Each structure stands twice: as C-alpha cells, then as structure tokens.
Amino acid sequence: MRNFCCFILISILLSGCFSIDTTTIYNKSQTKGASESEPIYLGFYNNKHASFYFILKHKALAKEYFLHVRWISNNNDILFDNLKTTLKFLVNNSEIITLQPIKTPKVIAYNLDSKGHEEEGVFSLTYDQLSLIANAKKVEVELNGKYIIVVGHFNRIHTFKAFRNFLKES
C-alpha cells in the first residue's frame, strides 16, 4: 500500500498537474497587457537564517522583464543592502548574470509570531537573460545582502518549469 501511494504521488508530480500559472491581463482596447507569475520557489542546500523566492512580471509593450525577489527574514535584521545588493545567476556552470535592484528594496510584510519580515527587491532582466536562465540545465542563484549571502538552486520540477512557462505565456 505504501509503495502504491508513493507511485501515485510521483505520477501526479511528474504529470504536470502542479503547474505554475501565469496571469495575463489585457485592457479593453487590447493595446496594453501585463503578465505576472505565481511565486517561484527555489531549493536551498543549507538554509537556516533566510530564504527567498521570485515573482516574474512583464508588460506587453516593454522589452524588459522584472524579477521581484521576496526575501524572508526570521528576525528583525534588514537583509537587502539598498541598491548595493547583488543577485547572481550561475548558468550551466559557465556564465554569470549579475543584477542589482532598479529601485530601493522595501519591507512588504511582518510576521508578529517570529518577529520576522519579508522584503522585496525589483531587478530588471532582458529577454535574452530570461531565456538563457529558463533554458539552462543547471542554475545556482546567489543573493548577497547586507550581512548575509544566501545560495539557492533551481529544481527541475518547479523552478525551471515556472520560468519556461512564464517565458512562453507572457
């Protein structure tokens, strides 16, 4: 019975039933549109203090894509180092894409139970950079903040699929 349940769970995961949606909204004249992804979570090898996730956004007429990074802190420390924060993508162990925030990061939520908070920074990506990341075989991500560096990685089931879906749908 236990093996059967594991088989069913793996089948559901691999079938794509858990897809990451992209919402696209158009105005009445169909001249403007905007796309936004659901939260895109990464994997972390050794994550004790902080974690982060992505939300992708794109305006139909613009050639830029926006990567919103939501950084979750378990204490009161501010994680982003204003405009000095860097976000680095190591793509296929050969190419590095380095990004800096395009506007000052801000605190968007507080958690009264853990006394932590969530910060958001906005980074700009070109279509070529997004395409390179989405179509890679392996991606490591380093978020360098004020007093902390957190390293995450794309996982095959969720992260790569979400980036490819967003690129296709937006």
C-alpha atoms as a PDB file:
ATOM      1  CA  MET A   1       0.000   0.000   0.000  1.00  0.00           C
ATOM      2  CA  ARG A   2       2.819   2.376   0.890  1.00  0.00           C
ATOM      3  CA  ASN A   3       4.571   1.746  -2.439  1.00  0.00           C
ATOM      4  CA  PHE A   4       1.305   2.325  -4.282  1.00  0.00           C
ATOM      5  CA  CYS A   5       0.803   5.715  -2.557  1.00  0.00           C
ATOM      6  CA  CYS A   6       4.382   6.735  -3.419  1.00  0.00           C
ATOM      7  CA  PHE A   7       3.800   5.663  -7.037  1.00  0.00           C
ATOM      8  CA  ILE A   8       0.588   7.752  -7.256  1.00  0.00           C
ATOM      9  CA  LEU A   9       2.290  10.810  -5.705  1.00  0.00           C
ATOM     10  CA  ILE A  10       5.262  10.588  -8.072  1.00  0.00           C
ATOM     11  CA  SER A  11       2.924  10.123 -11.057  1.00  0.00           C
ATOM     12  CA  ILE A  12       0.970  13.247 -10.138  1.00  0.00           C
ATOM     13  CA  LEU A  13       4.132  15.303  -9.672  1.00  0.00           C
ATOM     14  CA  LEU A  14       5.633  14.165 -12.975  1.00  0.00           C
ATOM     15  CA  SER A  15       2.393  14.586 -14.921  1.00  0.00           C
ATOM     16  CA  GLY A  16       2.483  18.354 -14.579  1.00  0.00           C
ATOM     17  CA  CYS A  17      -0.720  18.665 -12.559  1.00  0.00           C
ATOM     18  CA  PHE A  18       1.083  21.070 -10.268  1.00  0.00           C
ATOM     19  CA  SER A  19       1.800  23.749 -12.825  1.00  0.00           C
ATOM     20  CA  ILE A  20       2.826  27.298 -12.132  1.00  0.00           C
ATOM     21  CA  ASP A  21       0.302  29.711 -13.567  1.00  0.00           C
ATOM     22  CA  THR A  22       0.981  32.979 -15.311  1.00  0.00           C
ATOM     23  CA  THR A  23      -1.778  35.558 -15.151  1.00  0.00           C
ATOM     24  CA  THR A  24      -2.097  37.832 -18.172  1.00  0.00           C
ATOM     25  CA  ILE A  25      -4.441  40.836 -18.113  1.00  0.00           C
ATOM     26  CA  TYR A  26      -5.365  42.965 -21.132  1.00  0.00           C
ATOM     27  CA  ASN A  27      -7.245  46.262 -21.196  1.00  0.00           C
ATOM     28  CA  LYS A  28     -10.414  46.666 -23.283  1.00  0.00           C
ATOM     29  CA  SER A  29      -8.675  48.028 -26.372  1.00  0.00           C
ATOM     30  CA  GLN A  30      -6.124  45.154 -26.301  1.00  0.00           C
ATOM     31  CA  THR A  31      -3.260  47.654 -26.551  1.00  0.00           C
ATOM     32  CA  LYS A  32      -1.748  47.041 -23.126  1.00  0.00           C
ATOM     33  CA  GLY A  33      -1.161  43.874 -21.228  1.00  0.00           C
ATOM     34  CA  ALA A  34       0.715  42.635 -18.201  1.00  0.00           C
ATOM     35  CA  SER A  35       1.795  39.193 -17.072  1.00  0.00           C
ATOM     36  CA  GLU A  36       2.664  38.061 -13.575  1.00  0.00           C
ATOM     37  CA  SER A  37       3.805  34.644 -12.375  1.00  0.00           C
ATOM     38  CA  GLU A  38       2.807  32.880  -9.213  1.00  0.00           C
ATOM     39  CA  PRO A  39       5.589  32.682  -6.579  1.00  0.00           C
ATOM     40  CA  ILE A  40       8.534  30.648  -7.885  1.00  0.00           C
ATOM     41  CA  TYR A  41      10.359  28.808  -5.120  1.00  0.00           C
ATOM     42  CA  LEU A  42      13.964  27.634  -5.187  1.00  0.00           C
ATOM     43  CA  GLY A  43      15.764  24.828  -3.439  1.00  0.00           C
ATOM     44  CA  PHE A  44      18.301  25.542  -0.691  1.00  0.00           C
ATOM     45  CA  TYR A  45      21.084  23.239   0.498  1.00  0.00           C
ATOM     46  CA  ASN A  46      21.797  24.775   3.899  1.00  0.00           C
ATOM     47  CA  ASN A  47      19.177  27.325   4.823  1.00  0.00           C
ATOM     48  CA  LYS A  48      18.981  28.256   8.481  1.00  0.00           C
ATOM     49  CA  HIS A  49      18.517  32.012   8.566  1.00  0.00           C
ATOM     50  CA  ALA A  50      16.766  33.345   5.470  1.00  0.00           C
ATOM     51  CA  SER A  51      15.217  32.235   2.192  1.00  0.00           C
ATOM     52  CA  PHE A  52      13.892  33.942  -0.911  1.00  0.00           C
ATOM     53  CA  TYR A  53      11.590  33.336  -3.867  1.00  0.00           C
ATOM     54  CA  PHE A  54      10.800  35.030  -7.175  1.00  0.00           C
ATOM     55  CA  ILE A  55       7.812  36.604  -8.900  1.00  0.00           C
ATOM     56  CA  LEU A  56       8.251  37.415 -12.608  1.00  0.00           C
ATOM     57  CA  LYS A  57       6.427  40.367 -14.201  1.00  0.00           C
ATOM     58  CA  HIS A  58       6.274  41.679 -17.761  1.00  0.00           C
ATOM     59  CA  LYS A  59       4.395  44.477 -19.513  1.00  0.00           C
ATOM     60  CA  ALA A  60       3.403  43.503 -23.047  1.00  0.00           C
ATOM     61  CA  LEU A  61       4.774  46.587 -24.806  1.00  0.00           C
ATOM     62  CA  ALA A  62       8.048  46.692 -22.853  1.00  0.00           C
ATOM     63  CA  LYS A  63      11.097  44.653 -23.726  1.00  0.00           C
ATOM     64  CA  GLU A  64      12.145  44.358 -20.082  1.00  0.00           C
ATOM     65  CA  TYR A  65      11.122  41.696 -17.634  1.00  0.00           C
ATOM     66  CA  PHE A  66      11.043  42.352 -13.911  1.00  0.00           C
ATOM     67  CA  LEU A  67      12.161  39.869 -11.304  1.00  0.00           C
ATOM     68  CA  HIS A  68      10.702  40.576  -7.874  1.00  0.00           C
ATOM     69  CA  VAL A  69      12.777  38.905  -5.186  1.00  0.00           C
ATOM     70  CA  ARG A  70      10.995  38.322  -1.898  1.00  0.00           C
ATOM     71  CA  TRP A  71      13.464  37.724   0.914  1.00  0.00           C
ATOM     72  CA  ILE A  72      12.103  36.247   4.151  1.00  0.00           C
ATOM     73  CA  SER A  73      13.896  37.042   7.420  1.00  0.00           C
ATOM     74  CA  ASN A  74      13.358  35.131  10.649  1.00  0.00           C
ATOM     75  CA  ASN A  75      14.493  38.073  12.786  1.00  0.00           C
ATOM     76  CA  ASN A  76      14.453  41.862  12.728  1.00  0.00           C
ATOM     77  CA  ASP A  77      17.574  42.309  10.574  1.00  0.00           C
ATOM     78  CA  ILE A  78      17.159  44.114   7.263  1.00  0.00           C
ATOM     79  CA  LEU A  79      18.548  41.772   4.617  1.00  0.00           C
ATOM     80  CA  PHE A  80      18.748  43.929   1.493  1.00  0.00           C
ATOM     81  CA  ASP A  81      21.634  46.381   1.364  1.00  0.00           C
ATOM     82  CA  ASN A  82      19.687  49.037  -0.546  1.00  0.00           C
ATOM     83  CA  LEU A  83      20.967  49.348  -4.118  1.00  0.00           C
ATOM     84  CA  LYS A  84      24.256  47.573  -3.264  1.00  0.00           C
ATOM     85  CA  THR A  85      22.568  44.162  -3.086  1.00  0.00           C
ATOM     86  CA  THR A  86      23.510  41.785  -5.893  1.00  0.00           C
ATOM     87  CA  LEU A  87      21.651  38.844  -7.378  1.00  0.00           C
ATOM     88  CA  LYS A  88      23.852  36.454  -9.358  1.00  0.00           C
ATOM     89  CA  PHE A  89      22.779  33.568 -11.576  1.00  0.00           C
ATOM     90  CA  LEU A  90      25.410  30.931 -12.401  1.00  0.00           C
ATOM     91  CA  VAL A  91      24.035  29.364 -15.565  1.00  0.00           C
ATOM     92  CA  ASN A  92      25.308  25.896 -16.597  1.00  0.00           C
ATOM     93  CA  ASN A  93      28.486  26.470 -14.548  1.00  0.00           C
ATOM     94  CA  SER A  94      29.787  28.721 -17.321  1.00  0.00           C
ATOM     95  CA  GLU A  95      28.003  32.081 -17.464  1.00  0.00           C
ATOM     96  CA  ILE A  96      27.243  34.548 -14.672  1.00  0.00           C
ATOM     97  CA  ILE A  97      24.399  37.069 -14.846  1.00  0.00           C
ATOM     98  CA  THR A  98      24.762  39.790 -12.195  1.00  0.00           C
ATOM     99  CA  LEU A  99      21.801  42.028 -11.370  1.00  0.00           C
ATOM    100  CA  GLN A 100      21.300  44.956  -9.000  1.00  0.00           C
ATOM    101  CA  PRO A 101      17.974  46.405  -7.789  1.00  0.00           C
ATOM    102  CA  ILE A 102      16.432  49.069 -10.015  1.00  0.00           C
ATOM    103  CA  LYS A 103      14.776  50.757  -7.035  1.00  0.00           C
ATOM    104  CA  THR A 104      15.247  50.734  -3.285  1.00  0.00           C
ATOM    105  CA  PRO A 105      14.032  47.449  -1.722  1.00  0.00           C
ATOM    106  CA  LYS A 106      11.226  47.716   0.809  1.00  0.00           C
ATOM    107  CA  VAL A 107       9.627  45.735   3.620  1.00  0.00           C
ATOM    108  CA  ILE A 108       6.271  44.380   2.441  1.00  0.00           C
ATOM    109  CA  ALA A 109       5.118  42.149   5.325  1.00  0.00           C
ATOM    110  CA  TYR A 110       5.724  41.473   9.006  1.00  0.00           C
ATOM    111  CA  ASN A 111       5.351  38.252  10.981  1.00  0.00           C
ATOM    112  CA  LEU A 112       4.453  39.043  14.583  1.00  0.00           C
ATOM    113  CA  ASP A 113       4.898  35.439  15.753  1.00  0.00           C
ATOM    114  CA  SER A 114       8.513  35.028  14.635  1.00  0.00           C
ATOM    115  CA  LYS A 115       9.302  38.756  14.743  1.00  0.00           C
ATOM    116  CA  GLY A 116      10.483  38.406  11.169  1.00  0.00           C
ATOM    117  CA  HIS A 117       9.527  40.168   7.976  1.00  0.00           C
ATOM    118  CA  GLU A 118       9.530  39.908   4.193  1.00  0.00           C
ATOM    119  CA  GLU A 119      11.421  42.323   1.942  1.00  0.00           C
ATOM    120  CA  GLU A 120      11.052  42.850  -1.790  1.00  0.00           C
ATOM    121  CA  GLY A 121      13.640  43.993  -4.305  1.00  0.00           C
ATOM    122  CA  VAL A 122      12.956  44.538  -8.016  1.00  0.00           C
ATOM    123  CA  PHE A 123      15.539  43.562 -10.624  1.00  0.00           C
ATOM    124  CA  SER A 124      15.407  44.080 -14.391  1.00  0.00           C
ATOM    125  CA  LEU A 125      16.063  41.264 -16.893  1.00  0.00           C
ATOM    126  CA  THR A 126      16.270  41.301 -20.668  1.00  0.00           C
ATOM    127  CA  TYR A 127      14.507  38.703 -22.782  1.00  0.00           C
ATOM    128  CA  ASP A 128      17.874  37.118 -23.635  1.00  0.00           C
ATOM    129  CA  GLN A 129      18.849  36.807 -19.972  1.00  0.00           C
ATOM    130  CA  LEU A 130      15.466  35.327 -19.036  1.00  0.00           C
ATOM    131  CA  SER A 131      15.645  32.909 -21.967  1.00  0.00           C
ATOM    132  CA  LEU A 132      19.161  31.812 -21.007  1.00  0.00           C
ATOM    133  CA  ILE A 133      18.059  31.129 -17.431  1.00  0.00           C
ATOM    134  CA  ALA A 134      14.823  29.363 -18.436  1.00  0.00           C
ATOM    135  CA  ASN A 135      16.506  27.055 -20.959  1.00  0.00           C
ATOM    136  CA  ALA A 136      19.554  26.156 -18.850  1.00  0.00           C
ATOM    137  CA  LYS A 137      20.315  22.699 -17.495  1.00  0.00           C
ATOM    138  CA  LYS A 138      21.597  23.961 -14.129  1.00  0.00           C
ATOM    139  CA  VAL A 139      21.183  27.322 -12.353  1.00  0.00           C
ATOM    140  CA  GLU A 140      22.608  28.396  -8.998  1.00  0.00           C
ATOM    141  CA  VAL A 141      21.433  31.706  -7.500  1.00  0.00           C
ATOM    142  CA  GLU A 142      23.327  33.860  -5.002  1.00  0.00           C
ATOM    143  CA  LEU A 143      21.604  36.722  -3.201  1.00  0.00           C
ATOM    144  CA  ASN A 144      24.130  38.975  -1.493  1.00  0.00           C
ATOM    145  CA  GLY A 145      22.661  41.303   1.116  1.00  0.00           C
ATOM    146  CA  LYS A 146      23.773  43.486   3.992  1.00  0.00           C
ATOM    147  CA  TYR A 147      25.148  40.850   6.372  1.00  0.00           C
ATOM    148  CA  ILE A 148      24.219  37.603   4.690  1.00  0.00           C
ATOM    149  CA  ILE A 149      24.659  35.637   1.468  1.00  0.00           C
ATOM    150  CA  VAL A 150      22.038  33.014   0.602  1.00  0.00           C
ATOM    151  CA  VAL A 151      22.625  30.492  -2.173  1.00  0.00           C
ATOM    152  CA  GLY A 152      19.751  28.632  -3.811  1.00  0.00           C
ATOM    153  CA  HIS A 153      19.324  26.430  -6.846  1.00  0.00           C
ATOM    154  CA  PHE A 154      16.682  25.779  -9.470  1.00  0.00           C
ATOM    155  CA  ASN A 155      14.915  22.453  -9.177  1.00  0.00           C
ATOM    156  CA  ARG A 156      13.661  20.546 -12.192  1.00  0.00           C
ATOM    157  CA  ILE A 157      10.079  20.004 -11.054  1.00  0.00           C
ATOM    158  CA  HIS A 158       9.183  23.559 -10.099  1.00  0.00           C
ATOM    159  CA  THR A 159      11.636  26.362 -10.882  1.00  0.00           C
ATOM    160  CA  PHE A 160      12.696  25.586 -14.454  1.00  0.00           C
ATOM    161  CA  LYS A 161       9.114  24.787 -15.415  1.00  0.00           C
ATOM    162  CA  ALA A 162       7.869  28.080 -13.964  1.00  0.00           C
ATOM    163  CA  PHE A 163      10.462  30.163 -15.821  1.00  0.00           C
ATOM    164  CA  ARG A 164       9.807  28.364 -19.134  1.00  0.00           C
ATOM    165  CA  ASN A 165       6.047  28.701 -18.717  1.00  0.00           C
ATOM    166  CA  PHE A 166       6.331  32.421 -17.970  1.00  0.00           C
ATOM    167  CA  LEU A 167       8.557  32.980 -20.996  1.00  0.00           C
ATOM    168  CA  LYS A 168       6.067  31.152 -23.202  1.00  0.00           C
ATOM    169  CA  GLU A 169       2.910  32.760 -21.779  1.00  0.00           C
ATOM    170  CA  SER A 170       3.981  36.396 -21.388  1.00  0.00           C
END
